[in-house]
Amino acid sequence: MDKTFRFMRFKVYKDAKRFYLSVVEISKTFPREHRELADQIRRSSLSVVLNIAEGSGKDSDKELNMYLNNSLGSINETTAGIDIAFESKLISSTLKNELIKETKQIADQLGGFSKYLKKS
């Protein structure tokens, strides 16, 4: 299989990218004193996307799987940041729940993809 930019065909990549773009927009509303949290949530959600892309170009599915595990760590980090944003009254309960639902879907996709790679 041609591995050149194969990540662009992965549903999890597309969903993670869309999620990152929404995180960027939401975090723009954070007040200045919460800039670190906004930056960290952006970085961790971007890391999900970039690890999927980087891993897809590696020589083996075993290597890709390591990058998917890194992405899983980053989506967990993003989820924690969202929880802190809620506790800091930066986002509403409704928005928190929507974002957590998206992070769970991405985490589930990463986990399923990882399991698939381990079987192949």
PDB file of N, CA and C in Angstrom:
ATOM      1  N   MET A   1       0.841  -1.179   0.000  1.00  0.00           N
ATOM      2  CA  MET A   1       0.000   0.000   0.000  1.00  0.00           C
ATOM      3  C   MET A   1       0.886   1.241   0.000  1.00  0.00           C
ATOM      4  N   ASP A   2       0.514   2.211  -0.787  1.00  0.00           N
ATOM      5  CA  ASP A   2       1.241   3.467  -0.830  1.00  0.00           C
ATOM      6  C   ASP A   2       1.038   4.199   0.488  1.00  0.00           C
ATOM      7  N   LYS A   3       2.126   4.523   1.168  1.00  0.00           N
ATOM      8  CA  LYS A   3       2.040   5.159   2.477  1.00  0.00           C
ATOM      9  C   LYS A   3       2.144   6.680   2.400  1.00  0.00           C
ATOM     10  N   THR A   4       2.284   7.219   1.192  1.00  0.00           N
ATOM     11  CA  THR A   4       2.416   8.656   1.042  1.00  0.00           C
ATOM     12  C   THR A   4       1.102   9.336   1.412  1.00  0.00           C
ATOM     13  N   PHE A   5       1.125  10.067   2.501  1.00  0.00           N
ATOM     14  CA  PHE A   5      -0.028  10.823   2.988  1.00  0.00           C
ATOM     15  C   PHE A   5      -1.273   9.970   3.190  1.00  0.00           C
ATOM     16  N   ARG A   6      -1.081   8.702   3.538  1.00  0.00           N
ATOM     17  CA  ARG A   6      -2.244   7.820   3.724  1.00  0.00           C
ATOM     18  C   ARG A   6      -3.119   8.270   4.878  1.00  0.00           C
ATOM     19  N   PHE A   7      -2.560   9.042   5.805  1.00  0.00           N
ATOM     20  CA  PHE A   7      -3.341   9.544   6.937  1.00  0.00           C
ATOM     21  C   PHE A   7      -4.551  10.352   6.482  1.00  0.00           C
ATOM     22  N   MET A   8      -4.454  10.976   5.311  1.00  0.00           N
ATOM     23  CA  MET A   8      -5.554  11.813   4.825  1.00  0.00           C
ATOM     24  C   MET A   8      -6.811  10.995   4.519  1.00  0.00           C
ATOM     25  N   ARG A   9      -6.662   9.679   4.437  1.00  0.00           N
ATOM     26  CA  ARG A   9      -7.808   8.808   4.207  1.00  0.00           C
ATOM     27  C   ARG A   9      -8.402   8.268   5.501  1.00  0.00           C
ATOM     28  N   PHE A  10      -7.717   8.466   6.606  1.00  0.00           N
ATOM     29  CA  PHE A  10      -8.166   7.919   7.886  1.00  0.00           C
ATOM     30  C   PHE A  10      -9.287   8.780   8.472  1.00  0.00           C
ATOM     31  N   LYS A  11     -10.380   8.142   8.830  1.00  0.00           N
ATOM     32  CA  LYS A  11     -11.498   8.860   9.461  1.00  0.00           C
ATOM     33  C   LYS A  11     -11.049   9.539  10.751  1.00  0.00           C
ATOM     34  N   VAL A  12     -10.246   8.838  11.546  1.00  0.00           N
ATOM     35  CA  VAL A  12      -9.797   9.412  12.810  1.00  0.00           C
ATOM     36  C   VAL A  12      -8.967  10.672  12.572  1.00  0.00           C
ATOM     37  N   TYR A  13      -8.188  10.716  11.518  1.00  0.00           N
ATOM     38  CA  TYR A  13      -7.429  11.925  11.194  1.00  0.00           C
ATOM     39  C   TYR A  13      -8.376  13.075  10.880  1.00  0.00           C
ATOM     40  N   LYS A  14      -9.364  12.797  10.038  1.00  0.00           N
ATOM     41  CA  LYS A  14     -10.326  13.836   9.647  1.00  0.00           C
ATOM     42  C   LYS A  14     -11.104  14.358  10.844  1.00  0.00           C
ATOM     43  N   ASP A  15     -11.540  13.433  11.704  1.00  0.00           N
ATOM     44  CA  ASP A  15     -12.293  13.840  12.895  1.00  0.00           C
ATOM     45  C   ASP A  15     -11.410  14.619  13.867  1.00  0.00           C
ATOM     46  N   ALA A  16     -10.181  14.176  14.065  1.00  0.00           N
ATOM     47  CA  ALA A  16      -9.258  14.865  14.972  1.00  0.00           C
ATOM     48  C   ALA A  16      -8.918  16.255  14.443  1.00  0.00           C
ATOM     49  N   LYS A  17      -8.763  16.378  13.144  1.00  0.00           N
ATOM     50  CA  LYS A  17      -8.464  17.688  12.546  1.00  0.00           C
ATOM     51  C   LYS A  17      -9.639  18.640  12.737  1.00  0.00           C
ATOM     52  N   ARG A  18     -10.830  18.151  12.489  1.00  0.00           N
ATOM     53  CA  ARG A  18     -12.033  18.975  12.669  1.00  0.00           C
ATOM     54  C   ARG A  18     -12.158  19.399  14.146  1.00  0.00           C
ATOM     55  N   PHE A  19     -11.879  18.459  15.051  1.00  0.00           N
ATOM     56  CA  PHE A  19     -11.936  18.764  16.476  1.00  0.00           C
ATOM     57  C   PHE A  19     -10.903  19.841  16.837  1.00  0.00           C
ATOM     58  N   TYR A  20      -9.688  19.690  16.340  1.00  0.00           N
ATOM     59  CA  TYR A  20      -8.649  20.687  16.613  1.00  0.00           C
ATOM     60  C   TYR A  20      -9.103  22.081  16.179  1.00  0.00           C
ATOM     61  N   LEU A  21      -9.665  22.174  14.991  1.00  0.00           N
ATOM     62  CA  LEU A  21     -10.104  23.485  14.490  1.00  0.00           C
ATOM     63  C   LEU A  21     -11.193  24.085  15.371  1.00  0.00           C
ATOM     64  N   SER A  22     -12.069  23.259  15.916  1.00  0.00           N
ATOM     65  CA  SER A  22     -13.096  23.787  16.820  1.00  0.00           C
ATOM     66  C   SER A  22     -12.473  24.206  18.156  1.00  0.00           C
ATOM     67  N   VAL A  23     -11.478  23.465  18.636  1.00  0.00           N
ATOM     68  CA  VAL A  23     -10.785  23.834  19.872  1.00  0.00           C
ATOM     69  C   VAL A  23     -10.101  25.193  19.708  1.00  0.00           C
ATOM     70  N   VAL A  24      -9.516  25.425  18.565  1.00  0.00           N
ATOM     71  CA  VAL A  24      -8.866  26.720  18.317  1.00  0.00           C
ATOM     72  C   VAL A  24      -9.883  27.849  18.453  1.00  0.00           C
ATOM     73  N   GLU A  25     -11.032  27.681  17.840  1.00  0.00           N
ATOM     74  CA  GLU A  25     -12.068  28.726  17.901  1.00  0.00           C
ATOM     75  C   GLU A  25     -12.569  28.933  19.325  1.00  0.00           C
ATOM     76  N   ILE A  26     -12.850  27.853  20.019  1.00  0.00           N
ATOM     77  CA  ILE A  26     -13.371  27.953  21.387  1.00  0.00           C
ATOM     78  C   ILE A  26     -12.344  28.591  22.314  1.00  0.00           C
ATOM     79  N   SER A  27     -11.097  28.200  22.191  1.00  0.00           N
ATOM     80  CA  SER A  27     -10.071  28.701  23.108  1.00  0.00           C
ATOM     81  C   SER A  27      -9.752  30.184  22.871  1.00  0.00           C
ATOM     82  N   LYS A  28     -10.136  30.710  21.723  1.00  0.00           N
ATOM     83  CA  LYS A  28      -9.943  32.145  21.475  1.00  0.00           C
ATOM     84  C   LYS A  28     -10.772  32.994  22.431  1.00  0.00           C
ATOM     85  N   THR A  29     -11.830  32.415  22.985  1.00  0.00           N
ATOM     86  CA  THR A  29     -12.708  33.167  23.886  1.00  0.00           C
ATOM     87  C   THR A  29     -12.192  33.190  25.321  1.00  0.00           C
ATOM     88  N   PHE A  30     -11.148  32.409  25.628  1.00  0.00           N
ATOM     89  CA  PHE A  30     -10.616  32.363  26.990  1.00  0.00           C
ATOM     90  C   PHE A  30      -9.976  33.704  27.322  1.00  0.00           C
ATOM     91  N   PRO A  31     -10.192  34.191  28.540  1.00  0.00           N
ATOM     92  CA  PRO A  31      -9.537  35.443  28.932  1.00  0.00           C
ATOM     93  C   PRO A  31      -8.017  35.291  29.009  1.00  0.00           C
ATOM     94  N   ARG A  32      -7.379  36.398  28.979  1.00  0.00           N
ATOM     95  CA  ARG A  32      -5.916  36.440  28.932  1.00  0.00           C
ATOM     96  C   ARG A  32      -5.251  35.658  30.078  1.00  0.00           C
ATOM     97  N   GLU A  33      -5.843  35.720  31.254  1.00  0.00           N
ATOM     98  CA  GLU A  33      -5.226  35.038  32.397  1.00  0.00           C
ATOM     99  C   GLU A  33      -5.292  33.516  32.288  1.00  0.00           C
ATOM    100  N   HIS A  34      -6.007  33.010  31.294  1.00  0.00           N
ATOM    101  CA  HIS A  34      -6.076  31.569  31.053  1.00  0.00           C
ATOM    102  C   HIS A  34      -5.410  31.189  29.721  1.00  0.00           C
ATOM    103  N   ARG A  35      -4.491  32.037  29.295  1.00  0.00           N
ATOM    104  CA  ARG A  35      -3.802  31.809  28.030  1.00  0.00           C
ATOM    105  C   ARG A  35      -3.045  30.482  28.015  1.00  0.00           C
ATOM    106  N   GLU A  36      -2.433  30.124  29.141  1.00  0.00           N
ATOM    107  CA  GLU A  36      -1.675  28.869  29.199  1.00  0.00           C
ATOM    108  C   GLU A  36      -2.569  27.663  28.954  1.00  0.00           C
ATOM    109  N   LEU A  37      -3.752  27.685  29.558  1.00  0.00           N
ATOM    110  CA  LEU A  37      -4.692  26.578  29.360  1.00  0.00           C
ATOM    111  C   LEU A  37      -5.148  26.522  27.903  1.00  0.00           C
ATOM    112  N   ALA A  38      -5.469  27.669  27.335  1.00  0.00           N
ATOM    113  CA  ALA A  38      -5.881  27.713  25.921  1.00  0.00           C
ATOM    114  C   ALA A  38      -4.771  27.166  25.027  1.00  0.00           C
ATOM    115  N   ASP A  39      -3.543  27.598  25.273  1.00  0.00           N
ATOM    116  CA  ASP A  39      -2.409  27.126  24.466  1.00  0.00           C
ATOM    117  C   ASP A  39      -2.209  25.621  24.614  1.00  0.00           C
ATOM    118  N   GLN A  40      -2.325  25.120  25.844  1.00  0.00           N
ATOM    119  CA  GLN A  40      -2.096  23.696  26.082  1.00  0.00           C
ATOM    120  C   GLN A  40      -3.180  22.841  25.418  1.00  0.00           C
ATOM    121  N   ILE A  41      -4.419  23.284  25.496  1.00  0.00           N
ATOM    122  CA  ILE A  41      -5.506  22.532  24.850  1.00  0.00           C
ATOM    123  C   ILE A  41      -5.304  22.524  23.335  1.00  0.00           C
ATOM    124  N   ARG A  42      -4.890  23.647  22.794  1.00  0.00           N
ATOM    125  CA  ARG A  42      -4.605  23.698  21.352  1.00  0.00           C
ATOM    126  C   ARG A  42      -3.468  22.756  20.991  1.00  0.00           C
ATOM    127  N   ARG A  43      -2.380  22.817  21.763  1.00  0.00           N
ATOM    128  CA  ARG A  43      -1.215  21.974  21.463  1.00  0.00           C
ATOM    129  C   ARG A  43      -1.539  20.492  21.576  1.00  0.00           C
ATOM    130  N   SER A  44      -2.247  20.118  22.622  1.00  0.00           N
ATOM    131  CA  SER A  44      -2.538  18.692  22.801  1.00  0.00           C
ATOM    132  C   SER A  44      -3.504  18.183  21.735  1.00  0.00           C
ATOM    133  N   SER A  45      -4.479  18.994  21.349  1.00  0.00           N
ATOM    134  CA  SER A  45      -5.407  18.546  20.297  1.00  0.00           C
ATOM    135  C   SER A  45      -4.706  18.519  18.936  1.00  0.00           C
ATOM    136  N   LEU A  46      -3.777  19.427  18.701  1.00  0.00           N
ATOM    137  CA  LEU A  46      -2.988  19.391  17.472  1.00  0.00           C
ATOM    138  C   LEU A  46      -2.073  18.172  17.464  1.00  0.00           C
ATOM    139  N   SER A  47      -1.551  17.815  18.616  1.00  0.00           N
ATOM    140  CA  SER A  47      -0.672  16.656  18.728  1.00  0.00           C
ATOM    141  C   SER A  47      -1.384  15.372  18.311  1.00  0.00           C
ATOM    142  N   VAL A  48      -2.665  15.278  18.599  1.00  0.00           N
ATOM    143  CA  VAL A  48      -3.439  14.101  18.170  1.00  0.00           C
ATOM    144  C   VAL A  48      -3.344  13.963  16.655  1.00  0.00           C
ATOM    145  N   VAL A  49      -3.625  15.053  15.967  1.00  0.00           N
ATOM    146  CA  VAL A  49      -3.633  15.076  14.497  1.00  0.00           C
ATOM    147  C   VAL A  49      -2.247  14.773  13.940  1.00  0.00           C
ATOM    148  N   LEU A  50      -1.249  15.457  14.470  1.00  0.00           N
ATOM    149  CA  LEU A  50       0.102  15.334  13.914  1.00  0.00           C
ATOM    150  C   LEU A  50       0.726  13.967  14.177  1.00  0.00           C
ATOM    151  N   ASN A  51       0.417  13.353  15.306  1.00  0.00           N
ATOM    152  CA  ASN A  51       0.944  12.012  15.574  1.00  0.00           C
ATOM    153  C   ASN A  51       0.334  10.984  14.627  1.00  0.00           C
ATOM    154  N   ILE A  52      -0.937  11.135  14.309  1.00  0.00           N
ATOM    155  CA  ILE A  52      -1.564  10.233  13.329  1.00  0.00           C
ATOM    156  C   ILE A  52      -0.845  10.374  11.992  1.00  0.00           C
ATOM    157  N   ALA A  53      -0.624  11.614  11.586  1.00  0.00           N
ATOM    158  CA  ALA A  53       0.035  11.863  10.303  1.00  0.00           C
ATOM    159  C   ALA A  53       1.461  11.329  10.300  1.00  0.00           C
ATOM    160  N   GLU A  54       2.207  11.637  11.342  1.00  0.00           N
ATOM    161  CA  GLU A  54       3.606  11.195  11.386  1.00  0.00           C
ATOM    162  C   GLU A  54       3.704   9.673  11.402  1.00  0.00           C
ATOM    163  N   GLY A  55       2.891   9.037  12.207  1.00  0.00           N
ATOM    164  CA  GLY A  55       2.922   7.586  12.305  1.00  0.00           C
ATOM    165  C   GLY A  55       2.565   6.885  11.016  1.00  0.00           C
ATOM    166  N   SER A  56       1.685   7.500  10.236  1.00  0.00           N
ATOM    167  CA  SER A  56       1.241   6.860   8.992  1.00  0.00           C
ATOM    168  C   SER A  56       2.355   6.752   7.958  1.00  0.00           C
ATOM    169  N   GLY A  57       3.391   7.540   8.125  1.00  0.00           N
ATOM    170  CA  GLY A  57       4.500   7.502   7.177  1.00  0.00           C
ATOM    171  C   GLY A  57       5.627   6.566   7.590  1.00  0.00           C
ATOM    172  N   LYS A  58       5.468   5.888   8.700  1.00  0.00           N
ATOM    173  CA  LYS A  58       6.508   4.979   9.169  1.00  0.00           C
ATOM    174  C   LYS A  58       6.479   3.671   8.384  1.00  0.00           C
ATOM    175  N   ASP A  59       7.533   2.900   8.544  1.00  0.00           N
ATOM    176  CA  ASP A  59       7.721   1.694   7.747  1.00  0.00           C
ATOM    177  C   ASP A  59       6.832   0.527   8.149  1.00  0.00           C
ATOM    178  N   SER A  60       6.306   0.549   9.368  1.00  0.00           N
ATOM    179  CA  SER A  60       5.520  -0.607   9.800  1.00  0.00           C
ATOM    180  C   SER A  60       4.280  -0.152  10.562  1.00  0.00           C
ATOM    181  N   ASP A  61       3.307  -1.034  10.588  1.00  0.00           N
ATOM    182  CA  ASP A  61       2.105  -0.752  11.362  1.00  0.00           C
ATOM    183  C   ASP A  61       2.410  -0.739  12.859  1.00  0.00           C
ATOM    184  N   LYS A  62       3.449  -1.456  13.270  1.00  0.00           N
ATOM    185  CA  LYS A  62       3.859  -1.437  14.670  1.00  0.00           C
ATOM    186  C   LYS A  62       4.298  -0.023  15.057  1.00  0.00           C
ATOM    187  N   GLU A  63       5.056   0.609  14.172  1.00  0.00           N
ATOM    188  CA  GLU A  63       5.481   1.984  14.434  1.00  0.00           C
ATOM    189  C   GLU A  63       4.287   2.931  14.428  1.00  0.00           C
ATOM    190  N   LEU A  64       3.378   2.758  13.461  1.00  0.00           N
ATOM    191  CA  LEU A  64       2.166   3.576  13.424  1.00  0.00           C
ATOM    192  C   LEU A  64       1.416   3.445  14.737  1.00  0.00           C
ATOM    193  N   ASN A  65       1.336   2.236  15.244  1.00  0.00           N
ATOM    194  CA  ASN A  65       0.613   1.993  16.486  1.00  0.00           C
ATOM    195  C   ASN A  65       1.208   2.785  17.656  1.00  0.00           C
ATOM    196  N   MET A  66       2.517   2.930  17.687  1.00  0.00           N
ATOM    197  CA  MET A  66       3.154   3.725  18.747  1.00  0.00           C
ATOM    198  C   MET A  66       2.692   5.181  18.670  1.00  0.00           C
ATOM    199  N   TYR A  67       2.575   5.690  17.450  1.00  0.00           N
ATOM    200  CA  TYR A  67       2.115   7.069  17.278  1.00  0.00           C
ATOM    201  C   TYR A  67       0.637   7.210  17.622  1.00  0.00           C
ATOM    202  N   LEU A  68      -0.148   6.181  17.329  1.00  0.00           N
ATOM    203  CA  LEU A  68      -1.562   6.215  17.720  1.00  0.00           C
ATOM    204  C   LEU A  68      -1.686   6.253  19.235  1.00  0.00           C
ATOM    205  N   ASN A  69      -0.808   5.529  19.926  1.00  0.00           N
ATOM    206  CA  ASN A  69      -0.804   5.575  21.388  1.00  0.00           C
ATOM    207  C   ASN A  69      -0.420   6.969  21.895  1.00  0.00           C
ATOM    208  N   ASN A  70       0.507   7.632  21.213  1.00  0.00           N
ATOM    209  CA  ASN A  70       0.831   9.021  21.567  1.00  0.00           C
ATOM    210  C   ASN A  70      -0.390   9.915  21.375  1.00  0.00           C
ATOM    211  N   SER A  71      -1.110   9.686  20.282  1.00  0.00           N
ATOM    212  CA  SER A  71      -2.331  10.461  20.024  1.00  0.00           C
ATOM    213  C   SER A  71      -3.358  10.223  21.121  1.00  0.00           C
ATOM    214  N   LEU A  72      -3.462   8.989  21.558  1.00  0.00           N
ATOM    215  CA  LEU A  72      -4.394   8.660  22.636  1.00  0.00           C
ATOM    216  C   LEU A  72      -4.026   9.412  23.916  1.00  0.00           C
ATOM    217  N   GLY A  73      -2.752   9.486  24.217  1.00  0.00           N
ATOM    218  CA  GLY A  73      -2.315  10.277  25.374  1.00  0.00           C
ATOM    219  C   GLY A  73      -2.685  11.741  25.219  1.00  0.00           C
ATOM    220  N   SER A  74      -2.533  12.255  24.016  1.00  0.00           N
ATOM    221  CA  SER A  74      -2.843  13.669  23.771  1.00  0.00           C
ATOM    222  C   SER A  74      -4.336  13.950  23.842  1.00  0.00           C
ATOM    223  N   ILE A  75      -5.170  13.008  23.409  1.00  0.00           N
ATOM    224  CA  ILE A  75      -6.617  13.244  23.486  1.00  0.00           C
ATOM    225  C   ILE A  75      -7.056  13.199  24.948  1.00  0.00           C
ATOM    226  N   ASN A  76      -6.388  12.370  25.751  1.00  0.00           N
ATOM    227  CA  ASN A  76      -6.666  12.369  27.190  1.00  0.00           C
ATOM    228  C   ASN A  76      -6.251  13.697  27.827  1.00  0.00           C
ATOM    229  N   GLU A  77      -5.118  14.203  27.415  1.00  0.00           N
ATOM    230  CA  GLU A  77      -4.642  15.500  27.919  1.00  0.00           C
ATOM    231  C   GLU A  77      -5.624  16.609  27.540  1.00  0.00           C
ATOM    232  N   THR A  78      -6.106  16.568  26.314  1.00  0.00           N
ATOM    233  CA  THR A  78      -7.080  17.558  25.852  1.00  0.00           C
ATOM    234  C   THR A  78      -8.357  17.479  26.686  1.00  0.00           C
ATOM    235  N   THR A  79      -8.804  16.261  26.963  1.00  0.00           N
ATOM    236  CA  THR A  79     -10.016  16.071  27.758  1.00  0.00           C
ATOM    237  C   THR A  79      -9.846  16.664  29.147  1.00  0.00           C
ATOM    238  N   ALA A  80      -8.690  16.459  29.751  1.00  0.00           N
ATOM    239  CA  ALA A  80      -8.414  17.046  31.068  1.00  0.00           C
ATOM    240  C   ALA A  80      -8.440  18.574  30.984  1.00  0.00           C
ATOM    241  N   GLY A  81      -7.883  19.129  29.922  1.00  0.00           N
ATOM    242  CA  GLY A  81      -7.900  20.580  29.733  1.00  0.00           C
ATOM    243  C   GLY A  81      -9.312  21.121  29.588  1.00  0.00           C
ATOM    244  N   ILE A  82     -10.153  20.382  28.902  1.00  0.00           N
ATOM    245  CA  ILE A  82     -11.562  20.784  28.749  1.00  0.00           C
ATOM    246  C   ILE A  82     -12.255  20.770  30.107  1.00  0.00           C
ATOM    247  N   ASP A  83     -11.974  19.751  30.901  1.00  0.00           N
ATOM    248  CA  ASP A  83     -12.553  19.654  32.236  1.00  0.00           C
ATOM    249  C   ASP A  83     -12.112  20.835  33.103  1.00  0.00           C
ATOM    250  N   ILE A  84     -10.844  21.192  33.005  1.00  0.00           N
ATOM    251  CA  ILE A  84     -10.335  22.339  33.765  1.00  0.00           C
ATOM    252  C   ILE A  84     -10.983  23.631  33.262  1.00  0.00           C
ATOM    253  N   ALA A  85     -11.157  23.751  31.954  1.00  0.00           N
ATOM    254  CA  ALA A  85     -11.816  24.943  31.401  1.00  0.00           C
ATOM    255  C   ALA A  85     -13.239  25.071  31.946  1.00  0.00           C
ATOM    256  N   PHE A  86     -13.919  23.958  32.062  1.00  0.00           N
ATOM    257  CA  PHE A  86     -15.273  23.989  32.634  1.00  0.00           C
ATOM    258  C   PHE A  86     -15.227  24.401  34.100  1.00  0.00           C
ATOM    259  N   GLU A  87     -14.353  23.770  34.866  1.00  0.00           N
ATOM    260  CA  GLU A  87     -14.238  24.088  36.293  1.00  0.00           C
ATOM    261  C   GLU A  87     -13.827  25.544  36.516  1.00  0.00           C
ATOM    262  N   SER A  88     -13.114  26.101  35.560  1.00  0.00           N
ATOM    263  CA  SER A  88     -12.686  27.504  35.632  1.00  0.00           C
ATOM    264  C   SER A  88     -13.749  28.446  35.075  1.00  0.00           C
ATOM    265  N   LYS A  89     -14.901  27.885  34.725  1.00  0.00           N
ATOM    266  CA  LYS A  89     -16.047  28.651  34.200  1.00  0.00           C
ATOM    267  C   LYS A  89     -15.736  29.351  32.871  1.00  0.00           C
ATOM    268  N   LEU A  90     -14.886  28.700  32.063  1.00  0.00           N
ATOM    269  CA  LEU A  90     -14.527  29.244  30.756  1.00  0.00           C
ATOM    270  C   LEU A  90     -15.446  28.701  29.660  1.00  0.00           C
ATOM    271  N   ILE A  91     -16.041  27.549  29.910  1.00  0.00           N
ATOM    272  CA  ILE A  91     -16.987  26.959  28.966  1.00  0.00           C
ATOM    273  C   ILE A  91     -18.207  26.470  29.740  1.00  0.00           C
ATOM    274  N   SER A  92     -19.314  26.372  29.038  1.00  0.00           N
ATOM    275  CA  SER A  92     -20.559  25.919  29.656  1.00  0.00           C
ATOM    276  C   SER A  92     -20.570  24.403  29.826  1.00  0.00           C
ATOM    277  N   SER A  93     -21.483  23.950  30.622  1.00  0.00           N
ATOM    278  CA  SER A  93     -21.669  22.509  30.816  1.00  0.00           C
ATOM    279  C   SER A  93     -22.041  21.836  29.496  1.00  0.00           C
ATOM    280  N   THR A  94     -22.901  22.496  28.730  1.00  0.00           N
ATOM    281  CA  THR A  94     -23.315  21.944  27.435  1.00  0.00           C
ATOM    282  C   THR A  94     -22.124  21.798  26.501  1.00  0.00           C
ATOM    283  N   LEU A  95     -21.301  22.840  26.420  1.00  0.00           N
ATOM    284  CA  LEU A  95     -20.123  22.783  25.548  1.00  0.00           C
ATOM    285  C   LEU A  95     -19.135  21.732  26.052  1.00  0.00           C
ATOM    286  N   LYS A  96     -18.935  21.676  27.352  1.00  0.00           N
ATOM    287  CA  LYS A  96     -18.040  20.660  27.912  1.00  0.00           C
ATOM    288  C   LYS A  96     -18.507  19.274  27.487  1.00  0.00           C
ATOM    289  N   ASN A  97     -19.791  19.004  27.651  1.00  0.00           N
ATOM    290  CA  ASN A  97     -20.325  17.680  27.303  1.00  0.00           C
ATOM    291  C   ASN A  97     -20.157  17.370  25.820  1.00  0.00           C
ATOM    292  N   GLU A  98     -20.378  18.358  24.963  1.00  0.00           N
ATOM    293  CA  GLU A  98     -20.197  18.165  23.511  1.00  0.00           C
ATOM    294  C   GLU A  98     -18.736  17.844  23.187  1.00  0.00           C
ATOM    295  N   LEU A  99     -17.826  18.593  23.794  1.00  0.00           N
ATOM    296  CA  LEU A  99     -16.397  18.388  23.530  1.00  0.00           C
ATOM    297  C   LEU A  99     -15.924  17.035  24.066  1.00  0.00           C
ATOM    298  N   ILE A 100     -16.385  16.678  25.250  1.00  0.00           N
ATOM    299  CA  ILE A 100     -15.996  15.385  25.827  1.00  0.00           C
ATOM    300  C   ILE A 100     -16.549  14.242  24.970  1.00  0.00           C
ATOM    301  N   LYS A 101     -17.728  14.423  24.437  1.00  0.00           N
ATOM    302  CA  LYS A 101     -18.300  13.406  23.541  1.00  0.00           C
ATOM    303  C   LYS A 101     -17.391  13.232  22.320  1.00  0.00           C
ATOM    304  N   GLU A 102     -16.910  14.338  21.776  1.00  0.00           N
ATOM    305  CA  GLU A 102     -16.003  14.267  20.616  1.00  0.00           C
ATOM    306  C   GLU A 102     -14.672  13.625  20.984  1.00  0.00           C
ATOM    307  N   THR A 103     -14.129  13.975  22.152  1.00  0.00           N
ATOM    308  CA  THR A 103     -12.849  13.376  22.537  1.00  0.00           C
ATOM    309  C   THR A 103     -13.012  11.871  22.750  1.00  0.00           C
ATOM    310  N   LYS A 104     -14.151  11.467  23.296  1.00  0.00           N
ATOM    311  CA  LYS A 104     -14.395  10.031  23.489  1.00  0.00           C
ATOM    312  C   LYS A 104     -14.477   9.312  22.151  1.00  0.00           C
ATOM    313  N   GLN A 105     -15.159   9.919  21.180  1.00  0.00           N
ATOM    314  CA  GLN A 105     -15.252   9.297  19.851  1.00  0.00           C
ATOM    315  C   GLN A 105     -13.867   9.147  19.226  1.00  0.00           C
ATOM    316  N   ILE A 106     -13.053  10.168  19.348  1.00  0.00           N
ATOM    317  CA  ILE A 106     -11.694  10.106  18.793  1.00  0.00           C
ATOM    318  C   ILE A 106     -10.876   9.047  19.538  1.00  0.00           C
ATOM    319  N   ALA A 107     -10.984   9.016  20.865  1.00  0.00           N
ATOM    320  CA  ALA A 107     -10.255   8.012  21.653  1.00  0.00           C
ATOM    321  C   ALA A 107     -10.695   6.600  21.255  1.00  0.00           C
ATOM    322  N   ASP A 108     -11.997   6.416  21.060  1.00  0.00           N
ATOM    323  CA  ASP A 108     -12.503   5.101  20.651  1.00  0.00           C
ATOM    324  C   ASP A 108     -11.973   4.706  19.274  1.00  0.00           C
ATOM    325  N   GLN A 109     -11.921   5.667  18.357  1.00  0.00           N
ATOM    326  CA  GLN A 109     -11.378   5.387  17.022  1.00  0.00           C
ATOM    327  C   GLN A 109      -9.896   5.017  17.096  1.00  0.00           C
ATOM    328  N   LEU A 110      -9.156   5.752  17.898  1.00  0.00           N
ATOM    329  CA  LEU A 110      -7.727   5.459  18.050  1.00  0.00           C
ATOM    330  C   LEU A 110      -7.529   4.069  18.638  1.00  0.00           C
ATOM    331  N   GLY A 111      -8.318   3.741  19.650  1.00  0.00           N
ATOM    332  CA  GLY A 111      -8.218   2.425  20.267  1.00  0.00           C
ATOM    333  C   GLY A 111      -8.579   1.312  19.304  1.00  0.00           C
ATOM    334  N   GLY A 112      -9.650   1.524  18.526  1.00  0.00           N
ATOM    335  CA  GLY A 112     -10.057   0.519  17.538  1.00  0.00           C
ATOM    336  C   GLY A 112      -9.024   0.339  16.442  1.00  0.00           C
ATOM    337  N   PHE A 113      -8.463   1.444  15.988  1.00  0.00           N
ATOM    338  CA  PHE A 113      -7.433   1.406  14.945  1.00  0.00           C
ATOM    339  C   PHE A 113      -6.208   0.660  15.476  1.00  0.00           C
ATOM    340  N   SER A 114      -5.849   0.949  16.716  1.00  0.00           N
ATOM    341  CA  SER A 114      -4.700   0.292  17.336  1.00  0.00           C
ATOM    342  C   SER A 114      -4.920  -1.233  17.424  1.00  0.00           C
ATOM    343  N   LYS A 115      -6.086  -1.632  17.852  1.00  0.00           N
ATOM    344  CA  LYS A 115      -6.399  -3.055  17.944  1.00  0.00           C
ATOM    345  C   LYS A 115      -6.345  -3.717  16.567  1.00  0.00           C
ATOM    346  N   TYR A 116      -6.863  -3.031  15.564  1.00  0.00           N
ATOM    347  CA  TYR A 116      -6.836  -3.544  14.199  1.00  0.00           C
ATOM    348  C   TYR A 116      -5.397  -3.768  13.734  1.00  0.00           C
ATOM    349  N   LEU A 117      -4.543  -2.801  14.013  1.00  0.00           N
ATOM    350  CA  LEU A 117      -3.138  -2.914  13.594  1.00  0.00           C
ATOM    351  C   LEU A 117      -2.428  -4.067  14.305  1.00  0.00           C
ATOM    352  N   LYS A 118      -2.773  -4.299  15.543  1.00  0.00           N
ATOM    353  CA  LYS A 118      -2.138  -5.380  16.296  1.00  0.00           C
ATOM    354  C   LYS A 118      -2.529  -6.744  15.736  1.00  0.00           C
ATOM    355  N   LYS A 119      -3.731  -6.830  15.152  1.00  0.00           N
ATOM    356  CA  LYS A 119      -4.187  -8.102  14.578  1.00  0.00           C
ATOM    357  C   LYS A 119      -3.550  -8.373  13.223  1.00  0.00           C
ATOM    358  N   SER A 120      -3.210  -7.279  12.494  1.00  0.00           N
ATOM    359  CA  SER A 120      -2.682  -7.498  11.141  1.00  0.00           C
ATOM    360  C   SER A 120      -1.223  -7.829  11.098  1.00  0.00           C
TER     361      SER A 120
END
